[in-house]
Amino acid sequence: MYLQVLHGGDPKRKPKEEIIKISKVKYVEDLSVGCKAGETLGRCLIVSAIDQPALYSEIIFQMEDGDVYRVLSESGAILKEYKK
């Protein structure tokens, strides 16, 4: 599987695309790991990346307005799409 990340929405940010080979993805509504009490990161995707050094195998994407996250099959078919 692959995760296609399309950053956009904010005119100050240059639109950018990333494609990461992954083994699994998890959507979290209010991620609070590593935050002060009562704070959250908001909507996040936690992905297990393949072909990355062990230090970077778990990646957290904090969803921002205008960003699109697509889980793709090996053939490129869209399996799931996440938007904020």
N, C-alpha and C. Protein backbone atom coordinates (compact mmCIF):
# COMPACT_ATOMS: atom_id res chain seq x y z
N MET A 1 0.84 -1.18 0.00
CA MET A 1 0.00 0.00 0.00
C MET A 1 0.89 1.24 0.00
N TYR A 2 0.27 2.33 -0.42
CA TYR A 2 0.96 3.61 -0.44
C TYR A 2 0.06 4.68 0.17
N LEU A 3 0.68 5.71 0.74
CA LEU A 3 -0.05 6.88 1.20
C LEU A 3 0.37 8.05 0.33
N GLN A 4 -0.61 8.64 -0.36
CA GLN A 4 -0.37 9.83 -1.17
C GLN A 4 -0.83 11.03 -0.36
N VAL A 5 0.06 11.96 -0.11
CA VAL A 5 -0.24 13.15 0.67
C VAL A 5 -0.19 14.35 -0.26
N LEU A 6 -1.31 15.07 -0.36
CA LEU A 6 -1.38 16.28 -1.17
C LEU A 6 -1.56 17.45 -0.22
N HIS A 7 -0.52 18.25 -0.05
CA HIS A 7 -0.58 19.42 0.81
C HIS A 7 -1.12 20.58 -0.02
N GLY A 8 -2.05 21.31 0.52
CA GLY A 8 -2.59 22.45 -0.22
C GLY A 8 -3.60 23.19 0.63
N GLY A 9 -4.29 24.13 0.03
CA GLY A 9 -5.31 24.87 0.74
C GLY A 9 -4.84 26.23 1.21
N ASP A 10 -3.64 26.33 1.72
CA ASP A 10 -3.10 27.60 2.20
C ASP A 10 -2.25 28.21 1.09
N PRO A 11 -2.62 29.40 0.58
CA PRO A 11 -1.85 29.98 -0.52
C PRO A 11 -0.39 30.28 -0.16
N LYS A 12 -0.07 30.37 1.13
CA LYS A 12 1.31 30.63 1.55
C LYS A 12 2.17 29.36 1.44
N ARG A 13 1.52 28.20 1.47
CA ARG A 13 2.24 26.94 1.36
C ARG A 13 2.26 26.50 -0.10
N LYS A 14 3.41 26.17 -0.59
CA LYS A 14 3.53 25.68 -1.97
C LYS A 14 2.89 24.28 -2.03
N PRO A 15 1.94 24.07 -2.96
CA PRO A 15 1.34 22.73 -3.07
C PRO A 15 2.43 21.68 -3.28
N LYS A 16 2.29 20.57 -2.57
CA LYS A 16 3.34 19.56 -2.57
C LYS A 16 2.69 18.18 -2.49
N GLU A 17 3.31 17.20 -3.11
CA GLU A 17 2.82 15.83 -3.08
C GLU A 17 3.91 14.92 -2.55
N GLU A 18 3.50 13.98 -1.68
CA GLU A 18 4.42 12.96 -1.17
C GLU A 18 3.77 11.61 -1.39
N ILE A 19 4.56 10.60 -1.68
CA ILE A 19 4.06 9.23 -1.75
C ILE A 19 4.98 8.38 -0.89
N ILE A 20 4.37 7.67 0.06
CA ILE A 20 5.12 6.88 1.04
C ILE A 20 4.60 5.45 1.01
N LYS A 21 5.49 4.48 0.94
CA LYS A 21 5.08 3.08 1.01
C LYS A 21 4.78 2.75 2.47
N ILE A 22 3.59 2.18 2.72
CA ILE A 22 3.16 1.93 4.10
C ILE A 22 2.65 0.50 4.25
N SER A 23 2.58 0.06 5.51
CA SER A 23 1.98 -1.24 5.80
C SER A 23 0.62 -1.08 6.48
N LYS A 24 0.43 0.03 7.20
CA LYS A 24 -0.88 0.28 7.82
C LYS A 24 -1.05 1.76 8.09
N VAL A 25 -2.31 2.16 8.25
CA VAL A 25 -2.64 3.56 8.55
C VAL A 25 -3.78 3.56 9.57
N LYS A 26 -3.72 4.51 10.50
CA LYS A 26 -4.77 4.63 11.52
C LYS A 26 -5.17 6.09 11.63
N TYR A 27 -6.48 6.35 11.61
CA TYR A 27 -7.02 7.70 11.76
C TYR A 27 -7.34 7.93 13.23
N VAL A 28 -6.90 9.07 13.78
CA VAL A 28 -7.15 9.41 15.19
C VAL A 28 -7.80 10.79 15.23
N GLU A 29 -8.94 10.90 15.89
CA GLU A 29 -9.69 12.16 15.94
C GLU A 29 -9.00 13.22 16.80
N ASP A 30 -8.62 12.88 18.01
CA ASP A 30 -7.99 13.84 18.93
C ASP A 30 -6.74 13.23 19.54
N LEU A 31 -5.63 13.29 18.84
CA LEU A 31 -4.37 12.71 19.32
C LEU A 31 -3.79 13.60 20.42
N SER A 32 -3.47 13.00 21.57
CA SER A 32 -2.96 13.79 22.69
C SER A 32 -1.61 13.29 23.20
N VAL A 33 -0.97 12.37 22.50
CA VAL A 33 0.32 11.83 22.92
C VAL A 33 1.37 12.93 22.84
N GLY A 34 2.10 13.14 23.92
CA GLY A 34 3.17 14.14 23.94
C GLY A 34 2.69 15.57 24.12
N CYS A 35 1.40 15.76 24.40
CA CYS A 35 0.85 17.11 24.60
C CYS A 35 0.66 17.36 26.09
N LYS A 36 0.56 18.63 26.44
CA LYS A 36 0.24 19.00 27.81
C LYS A 36 -1.18 18.54 28.13
N ALA A 37 -1.48 18.41 29.41
CA ALA A 37 -2.81 17.96 29.84
C ALA A 37 -3.88 18.86 29.25
N GLY A 38 -4.89 18.24 28.65
CA GLY A 38 -6.00 18.99 28.08
C GLY A 38 -5.79 19.45 26.65
N GLU A 39 -4.59 19.28 26.10
CA GLU A 39 -4.31 19.70 24.72
C GLU A 39 -4.31 18.48 23.80
N THR A 40 -4.66 18.70 22.54
CA THR A 40 -4.59 17.64 21.54
C THR A 40 -4.00 18.20 20.25
N LEU A 41 -3.56 17.31 19.39
CA LEU A 41 -3.07 17.71 18.08
C LEU A 41 -4.21 17.79 17.07
N GLY A 42 -5.39 17.34 17.45
CA GLY A 42 -6.52 17.32 16.53
C GLY A 42 -6.50 16.05 15.69
N ARG A 43 -7.07 16.14 14.49
CA ARG A 43 -7.14 14.99 13.60
C ARG A 43 -5.75 14.64 13.07
N CYS A 44 -5.40 13.36 13.19
CA CYS A 44 -4.09 12.90 12.73
C CYS A 44 -4.20 11.54 12.06
N LEU A 45 -3.24 11.25 11.22
CA LEU A 45 -3.05 9.92 10.66
C LEU A 45 -1.73 9.39 11.18
N ILE A 46 -1.75 8.16 11.67
CA ILE A 46 -0.52 7.50 12.10
C ILE A 46 -0.26 6.39 11.10
N VAL A 47 0.88 6.43 10.44
CA VAL A 47 1.19 5.43 9.41
C VAL A 47 2.46 4.68 9.78
N SER A 48 2.49 3.41 9.38
CA SER A 48 3.69 2.60 9.52
C SER A 48 4.35 2.55 8.15
N ALA A 49 5.48 3.23 8.03
CA ALA A 49 6.18 3.33 6.75
C ALA A 49 7.10 2.13 6.55
N ILE A 50 7.22 1.73 5.30
CA ILE A 50 8.13 0.65 4.90
C ILE A 50 9.32 1.31 4.22
N ASP A 51 10.46 0.67 4.26
CA ASP A 51 11.68 1.18 3.63
C ASP A 51 12.15 2.49 4.25
N GLN A 52 11.91 2.66 5.54
CA GLN A 52 12.38 3.83 6.27
C GLN A 52 13.27 3.34 7.41
N PRO A 53 14.23 4.14 7.85
CA PRO A 53 15.01 3.74 9.02
C PRO A 53 14.07 3.51 10.21
N ALA A 54 14.45 2.62 11.11
CA ALA A 54 13.59 2.26 12.25
C ALA A 54 13.12 3.48 13.03
N LEU A 55 13.95 4.50 13.10
CA LEU A 55 13.60 5.72 13.83
C LEU A 55 12.40 6.42 13.21
N TYR A 56 12.21 6.27 11.90
CA TYR A 56 11.14 6.98 11.19
C TYR A 56 10.04 6.06 10.70
N SER A 57 9.93 4.84 11.23
CA SER A 57 8.94 3.90 10.73
C SER A 57 7.51 4.29 11.09
N GLU A 58 7.30 4.97 12.20
CA GLU A 58 5.97 5.46 12.57
C GLU A 58 5.94 6.96 12.32
N ILE A 59 5.06 7.40 11.42
CA ILE A 59 4.97 8.81 11.06
C ILE A 59 3.59 9.33 11.44
N ILE A 60 3.54 10.50 12.07
CA ILE A 60 2.27 11.13 12.43
C ILE A 60 2.08 12.34 11.54
N PHE A 61 0.96 12.37 10.82
CA PHE A 61 0.59 13.51 10.00
C PHE A 61 -0.54 14.25 10.69
N GLN A 62 -0.30 15.49 11.07
CA GLN A 62 -1.35 16.32 11.65
C GLN A 62 -2.12 16.93 10.48
N MET A 63 -3.40 16.61 10.39
CA MET A 63 -4.20 17.04 9.25
C MET A 63 -4.46 18.54 9.31
N GLU A 64 -4.21 19.22 8.20
CA GLU A 64 -4.45 20.65 8.09
C GLU A 64 -5.47 20.90 6.99
N ASP A 65 -6.15 22.05 7.06
CA ASP A 65 -7.16 22.39 6.07
C ASP A 65 -6.57 22.34 4.66
N GLY A 66 -7.28 21.71 3.75
CA GLY A 66 -6.86 21.63 2.36
C GLY A 66 -6.00 20.43 2.03
N ASP A 67 -5.50 19.72 3.04
CA ASP A 67 -4.68 18.54 2.78
C ASP A 67 -5.57 17.34 2.44
N VAL A 68 -5.08 16.49 1.55
CA VAL A 68 -5.79 15.28 1.16
C VAL A 68 -4.83 14.11 1.34
N TYR A 69 -5.31 13.05 1.98
CA TYR A 69 -4.51 11.85 2.22
C TYR A 69 -5.25 10.68 1.58
N ARG A 70 -4.59 10.00 0.65
CA ARG A 70 -5.20 8.86 -0.03
C ARG A 70 -4.37 7.61 0.22
N VAL A 71 -5.06 6.54 0.62
CA VAL A 71 -4.42 5.24 0.75
C VAL A 71 -4.62 4.54 -0.59
N LEU A 72 -3.50 4.18 -1.23
CA LEU A 72 -3.54 3.58 -2.56
C LEU A 72 -3.10 2.12 -2.51
N SER A 73 -3.68 1.31 -3.39
CA SER A 73 -3.24 -0.08 -3.52
C SER A 73 -1.95 -0.11 -4.34
N GLU A 74 -1.37 -1.28 -4.48
CA GLU A 74 -0.14 -1.43 -5.27
C GLU A 74 -0.37 -1.00 -6.72
N SER A 75 -1.60 -1.17 -7.23
CA SER A 75 -1.90 -0.80 -8.62
C SER A 75 -2.31 0.66 -8.76
N GLY A 76 -2.44 1.38 -7.65
CA GLY A 76 -2.79 2.79 -7.69
C GLY A 76 -4.25 3.10 -7.45
N ALA A 77 -5.07 2.08 -7.19
CA ALA A 77 -6.49 2.30 -6.89
C ALA A 77 -6.63 2.95 -5.51
N ILE A 78 -7.55 3.89 -5.38
CA ILE A 78 -7.78 4.57 -4.10
C ILE A 78 -8.60 3.65 -3.19
N LEU A 79 -8.03 3.28 -2.06
CA LEU A 79 -8.71 2.43 -1.09
C LEU A 79 -9.46 3.26 -0.05
N LYS A 80 -8.89 4.40 0.34
CA LYS A 80 -9.49 5.26 1.36
C LYS A 80 -8.96 6.66 1.16
N GLU A 81 -9.80 7.66 1.44
CA GLU A 81 -9.37 9.05 1.32
C GLU A 81 -9.76 9.80 2.59
N TYR A 82 -8.83 10.59 3.10
CA TYR A 82 -9.06 11.40 4.29
C TYR A 82 -8.85 12.86 3.92
N LYS A 83 -9.77 13.73 4.37
CA LYS A 83 -9.66 15.17 4.15
C LYS A 83 -10.03 15.87 5.44
N LYS A 84 -9.52 17.08 5.59
CA LYS A 84 -9.95 17.89 6.73
C LYS A 84 -10.78 19.02 6.20
